[in-house]
C-alpha atoms as a PDB file:
ATOM      1  CA  MET A   1       5.563   0.229  47.500  1.00  0.00           C
ATOM      2  CA  GLU A   2       2.654   1.400  45.394  1.00  0.00           C
ATOM      3  CA  GLN A   3       0.339  -1.430  44.225  1.00  0.00           C
ATOM      4  CA  LEU A   4      -0.118  -1.800  40.529  1.00  0.00           C
ATOM      5  CA  THR A   5      -3.410  -0.486  39.172  1.00  0.00           C
ATOM      6  CA  VAL A   6      -5.175  -0.721  35.844  1.00  0.00           C
ATOM      7  CA  ASN A   7      -3.589   2.519  34.892  1.00  0.00           C
ATOM      8  CA  HIS A   8      -0.168   0.964  35.200  1.00  0.00           C
ATOM      9  CA  TYR A   9      -1.192  -1.868  33.023  1.00  0.00           C
ATOM     10  CA  LEU A  10      -2.318   0.625  30.402  1.00  0.00           C
ATOM     11  CA  VAL A  11       1.150   2.162  30.500  1.00  0.00           C
ATOM     12  CA  VAL A  12       2.647  -1.378  30.138  1.00  0.00           C
ATOM     13  CA  ALA A  13       0.198  -2.353  27.205  1.00  0.00           C
ATOM     14  CA  GLY A  14       1.141   0.902  25.452  1.00  0.00           C
ATOM     15  CA  ILE A  15       4.836   0.177  25.776  1.00  0.00           C
ATOM     16  CA  ILE A  16       4.317  -3.362  24.503  1.00  0.00           C
ATOM     17  CA  ALA A  17       2.361  -1.963  21.531  1.00  0.00           C
ATOM     18  CA  ILE A  18       5.093   0.495  20.700  1.00  0.00           C
ATOM     19  CA  ILE A  19       7.837  -2.120  20.985  1.00  0.00           C
ATOM     20  CA  THR A  20       5.768  -4.537  18.811  1.00  0.00           C
ATOM     21  CA  GLU A  21       5.350  -1.822  16.138  1.00  0.00           C
ATOM     22  CA  LEU A  22       9.023  -1.175  16.060  1.00  0.00           C
ATOM     23  CA  ALA A  23       9.887  -4.907  15.858  1.00  0.00           C
ATOM     24  CA  LEU A  24       7.481  -5.483  13.063  1.00  0.00           C
ATOM     25  CA  GLY A  25       8.947  -2.530  11.128  1.00  0.00           C
ATOM     26  CA  ALA A  26       5.750  -0.440  10.732  1.00  0.00           C
ATOM     27  CA  ILE A  27       3.900  -3.325   9.054  1.00  0.00           C
ATOM     28  CA  ALA A  28       0.738  -2.308  10.873  1.00  0.00           C
ATOM     29  CA  GLY A  29       0.896   1.167   9.399  1.00  0.00           C
ATOM     30  CA  PHE A  30       1.941   2.894  12.562  1.00  0.00           C
ATOM     31  CA  GLU A  31      -1.438   1.941  14.151  1.00  0.00           C
ATOM     32  CA  LEU A  32       0.217   0.066  17.070  1.00  0.00           C
ATOM     33  CA  LEU A  33       2.568   2.986  17.609  1.00  0.00           C
ATOM     34  CA  VAL A  34      -0.261   5.577  17.794  1.00  0.00           C
ATOM     35  CA  LEU A  35      -2.395   3.277  20.148  1.00  0.00           C
ATOM     36  CA  GLY A  36       0.542   2.611  22.143  1.00  0.00           C
ATOM     37  CA  VAL A  37       1.166   6.259  22.743  1.00  0.00           C
ATOM     38  CA  ILE A  38      -2.487   6.777  23.503  1.00  0.00           C
ATOM     39  CA  PHE A  39      -2.384   3.971  26.112  1.00  0.00           C
ATOM     40  CA  VAL A  40       0.852   5.439  27.710  1.00  0.00           C
ATOM     41  CA  ILE A  41      -0.557   8.941  27.803  1.00  0.00           C
ATOM     42  CA  SER A  42      -3.977   7.784  29.269  1.00  0.00           C
ATOM     43  CA  GLY A  43      -2.192   5.359  31.774  1.00  0.00           C
ATOM     44  CA  VAL A  44      -0.047   8.238  33.024  1.00  0.00           C
ATOM     45  CA  LEU A  45      -3.117  10.572  33.285  1.00  0.00           C
ATOM     46  CA  GLY A  46      -4.986   7.840  35.271  1.00  0.00           C
ATOM     47  CA  ILE A  47      -1.795   7.423  37.546  1.00  0.00           C
ATOM     48  CA  LEU A  48      -1.554  11.175  38.209  1.00  0.00           C
ATOM     49  CA  SER A  49      -5.073  11.647  38.812  1.00  0.00           C
ATOM     50  CA  GLY A  50      -5.552   8.382  40.760  1.00  0.00           C
ATOM     51  CA  SER A  51      -8.580   7.584  38.702  1.00  0.00           C
ATOM     52  CA  PHE A  52      -9.182   4.802  36.212  1.00  0.00           C
ATOM     53  CA  PRO A  53     -12.241   6.528  34.805  1.00  0.00           C
ATOM     54  CA  VAL A  54      -9.934   9.456  33.883  1.00  0.00           C
ATOM     55  CA  ALA A  55      -7.654   6.992  32.000  1.00  0.00           C
ATOM     56  CA  LEU A  56     -10.620   5.367  30.271  1.00  0.00           C
ATOM     57  CA  VAL A  57     -12.131   8.555  29.015  1.00  0.00           C
ATOM     58  CA  SER A  58      -8.689   9.570  27.821  1.00  0.00           C
ATOM     59  CA  VAL A  59      -8.348   6.354  25.860  1.00  0.00           C
ATOM     60  CA  ILE A  60     -11.686   6.969  24.310  1.00  0.00           C
ATOM     61  CA  VAL A  61     -11.313  10.587  23.420  1.00  0.00           C
ATOM     62  CA  LEU A  62      -7.739  10.262  22.091  1.00  0.00           C
ATOM     63  CA  THR A  63      -8.661   7.182  20.010  1.00  0.00           C
ATOM     64  CA  LEU A  64     -11.726   9.023  18.599  1.00  0.00           C
ATOM     65  CA  LEU A  65      -9.551  11.977  17.720  1.00  0.00           C
ATOM     66  CA  TYR A  66      -6.986   9.837  16.091  1.00  0.00           C
ATOM     67  CA  VAL A  67      -9.567   7.796  14.142  1.00  0.00           C
ATOM     68  CA  PHE A  68     -11.446  10.905  12.861  1.00  0.00           C
ATOM     69  CA  PHE A  69      -8.664  13.381  12.412  1.00  0.00           C
ATOM     70  CA  GLY A  70      -5.160  11.986  12.834  1.00  0.00           C
ATOM     71  CA  ARG A  71      -5.379   8.775  10.875  1.00  0.00           C
ATOM     72  CA  ARG A  72      -6.020  10.411   7.551  1.00  0.00           C
ATOM     73  CA  THR A  73      -3.128  12.919   8.037  1.00  0.00           C
ATOM     74  CA  ILE A  74      -0.659  10.162   8.984  1.00  0.00           C
ATOM     75  CA  ARG A  75      -1.687   7.910   6.146  1.00  0.00           C
ATOM     76  CA  ASN A  76      -1.377  10.875   3.704  1.00  0.00           C
ATOM     77  CA  ARG A  77       2.081  11.736   4.802  1.00  0.00           C
ATOM     78  CA  PHE A  78       3.325   8.208   4.540  1.00  0.00           C
ATOM     79  CA  ASP A  79       1.337   7.323   1.360  1.00  0.00           C
ATOM     80  CA  ILE A  80       3.953   6.246  -1.154  1.00  0.00           C
ATOM     81  CA  ALA A  81       2.929   6.690  -4.721  1.00  0.00           C
ATOM     82  CA  THR A  82       3.756   3.589  -6.852  1.00  0.00           C
ATOM     83  CA  LYS A  83       4.466   3.540 -10.448  1.00  0.00           C
ATOM     84  CA  ALA A  84       3.998   0.471 -12.484  1.00  0.00           C
ATOM     85  CA  THR A  85       7.256  -0.802 -13.847  1.00  0.00           C
ATOM     86  CA  ASN A  86       8.376  -3.520 -16.137  1.00  0.00           C
ATOM     87  CA  ILE A  87       5.527  -5.937 -17.037  1.00  0.00           C
ATOM     88  CA  ASP A  88       2.893  -4.139 -15.028  1.00  0.00           C
ATOM     89  CA  ALA A  89       3.595  -0.957 -17.068  1.00  0.00           C
ATOM     90  CA  VAL A  90       3.275  -2.640 -20.356  1.00  0.00           C
ATOM     91  CA  ILE A  91      -0.182  -4.313 -19.771  1.00  0.00           C
ATOM     92  CA  GLY A  92      -2.826  -2.044 -21.294  1.00  0.00           C
ATOM     93  CA  ALA A  93      -0.279   0.159 -23.065  1.00  0.00           C
ATOM     94  CA  LYS A  94      -0.745   1.171 -26.709  1.00  0.00           C
ATOM     95  CA  ALA A  95       2.066  -0.129 -29.096  1.00  0.00           C
ATOM     96  CA  GLN A  96       3.003   0.338 -32.681  1.00  0.00           C
ATOM     97  CA  VAL A  97       3.546  -2.749 -34.887  1.00  0.00           C
ATOM     98  CA  ILE A  98       7.023  -2.579 -36.459  1.00  0.00           C
ATOM     99  CA  LYS A  99       6.957  -6.196 -37.859  1.00  0.00           C
ATOM    100  CA  SER A 100       3.615  -7.586 -39.119  1.00  0.00           C
ATOM    101  CA  ILE A 101       1.990 -10.164 -36.992  1.00  0.00           C
ATOM    102  CA  THR A 102      -0.258 -13.086 -38.063  1.00  0.00           C
ATOM    103  CA  PRO A 103      -1.990 -15.683 -35.957  1.00  0.00           C
ATOM    104  CA  HIS A 104       0.753 -18.176 -36.773  1.00  0.00           C
ATOM    105  CA  THR A 105       3.837 -15.869 -36.997  1.00  0.00           C
ATOM    106  CA  PRO A 106       4.983 -13.580 -34.141  1.00  0.00           C
ATOM    107  CA  GLY A 107       5.896  -9.972 -35.106  1.00  0.00           C
ATOM    108  CA  GLN A 108       7.333  -7.086 -33.119  1.00  0.00           C
ATOM    109  CA  VAL A 109       5.869  -3.964 -31.360  1.00  0.00           C
ATOM    110  CA  LYS A 110       7.352  -0.909 -29.994  1.00  0.00           C
ATOM    111  CA  VAL A 111       5.946   0.033 -26.434  1.00  0.00           C
ATOM    112  CA  ASP A 112       7.331   3.171 -24.834  1.00  0.00           C
ATOM    113  CA  GLY A 113      10.534   3.003 -26.967  1.00  0.00           C
ATOM    114  CA  GLU A 114      11.135  -0.699 -26.247  1.00  0.00           C
ATOM    115  CA  ILE A 115      10.844  -3.368 -28.866  1.00  0.00           C
ATOM    116  CA  TRP A 116       8.902  -6.582 -27.835  1.00  0.00           C
ATOM    117  CA  ARG A 117       7.984  -9.830 -29.511  1.00  0.00           C
ATOM    118  CA  ALA A 118       4.340  -9.915 -30.097  1.00  0.00           C
ATOM    119  CA  VAL A 119       1.509 -12.412 -30.935  1.00  0.00           C
ATOM    120  CA  ALA A 120      -2.070 -11.919 -31.933  1.00  0.00           C
ATOM    121  CA  SER A 121      -5.078 -13.902 -32.929  1.00  0.00           C
ATOM    122  CA  GLU A 122      -5.570 -11.782 -36.094  1.00  0.00           C
ATOM    123  CA  ASP A 123      -3.444 -10.367 -38.904  1.00  0.00           C
ATOM    124  CA  ILE A 124      -1.978  -6.940 -37.856  1.00  0.00           C
ATOM    125  CA  ALA A 125       0.039  -4.921 -40.559  1.00  0.00           C
ATOM    126  CA  LYS A 126       3.177  -3.008 -39.717  1.00  0.00           C
ATOM    127  CA  GLY A 127       2.449   0.539 -38.629  1.00  0.00           C
ATOM    128  CA  GLU A 128      -0.905  -0.319 -36.987  1.00  0.00           C
ATOM    129  CA  MET A 129      -1.542   0.611 -33.302  1.00  0.00           C
ATOM    130  CA  VAL A 130      -2.430  -2.175 -30.842  1.00  0.00           C
ATOM    131  CA  LYS A 131      -3.137  -2.625 -27.208  1.00  0.00           C
ATOM    132  CA  VAL A 132      -1.239  -5.001 -24.930  1.00  0.00           C
ATOM    133  CA  HIS A 133      -3.423  -7.572 -23.192  1.00  0.00           C
ATOM    134  CA  SER A 134      -1.019  -9.846 -21.558  1.00  0.00           C
ATOM    135  CA  VAL A 135       2.648 -10.845 -21.161  1.00  0.00           C
ATOM    136  CA  SER A 136       4.221 -14.206 -21.190  1.00  0.00           C
ATOM    137  CA  GLY A 137       7.901 -14.242 -20.786  1.00  0.00           C
ATOM    138  CA  VAL A 138       9.132 -11.706 -23.365  1.00  0.00           C
ATOM    139  CA  THR A 139       6.128 -12.062 -25.626  1.00  0.00           C
ATOM    140  CA  LEU A 140       3.216  -9.671 -25.612  1.00  0.00           C
ATOM    141  CA  THR A 141      -0.318 -10.617 -26.611  1.00  0.00           C
ATOM    142  CA  VAL A 142      -1.885  -7.753 -28.467  1.00  0.00           C
ATOM    143  CA  ALA A 143      -5.064  -6.837 -30.266  1.00  0.00           C
ATOM    144  CA  LYS A 144      -5.954  -4.140 -32.898  1.00  0.00           C
ATOM    145  CA  ILE A 145      -7.327  -0.864 -31.222  1.00  0.00           C
ATOM    146  CA  SER A 146     -11.007  -0.577 -32.299  1.00  0.00           C
END
């Protein structure tokens, strides 16, 4: 029976990293998967050559190649564009006042085709354009656009 070497431990460490990535559901951004594959490849090269320095150089070279070239490619392919929705999309948006607003009386504004209750610290007449600064429940806090 062949005695286990550091090269064998590299293969085992790689397999553990791959399994961990799969168990976590890619929460690490595929980093563990890639490093696991690098460890397995390097460990196998070390076993086939019978040399730990070959495995070590393989780990270093493959890791550097991944960091400088492969990482950006992988991140770009899996980069998911997010679009603000609901409240996040309203903050900072321009709106038109459709019912006058005073500091003591809420009014209404139209944002992207939706009508919202709105409050402001100043008088704002119907028809004026405002900017949404915050949201509290179903009420927007707005201010005149300067």
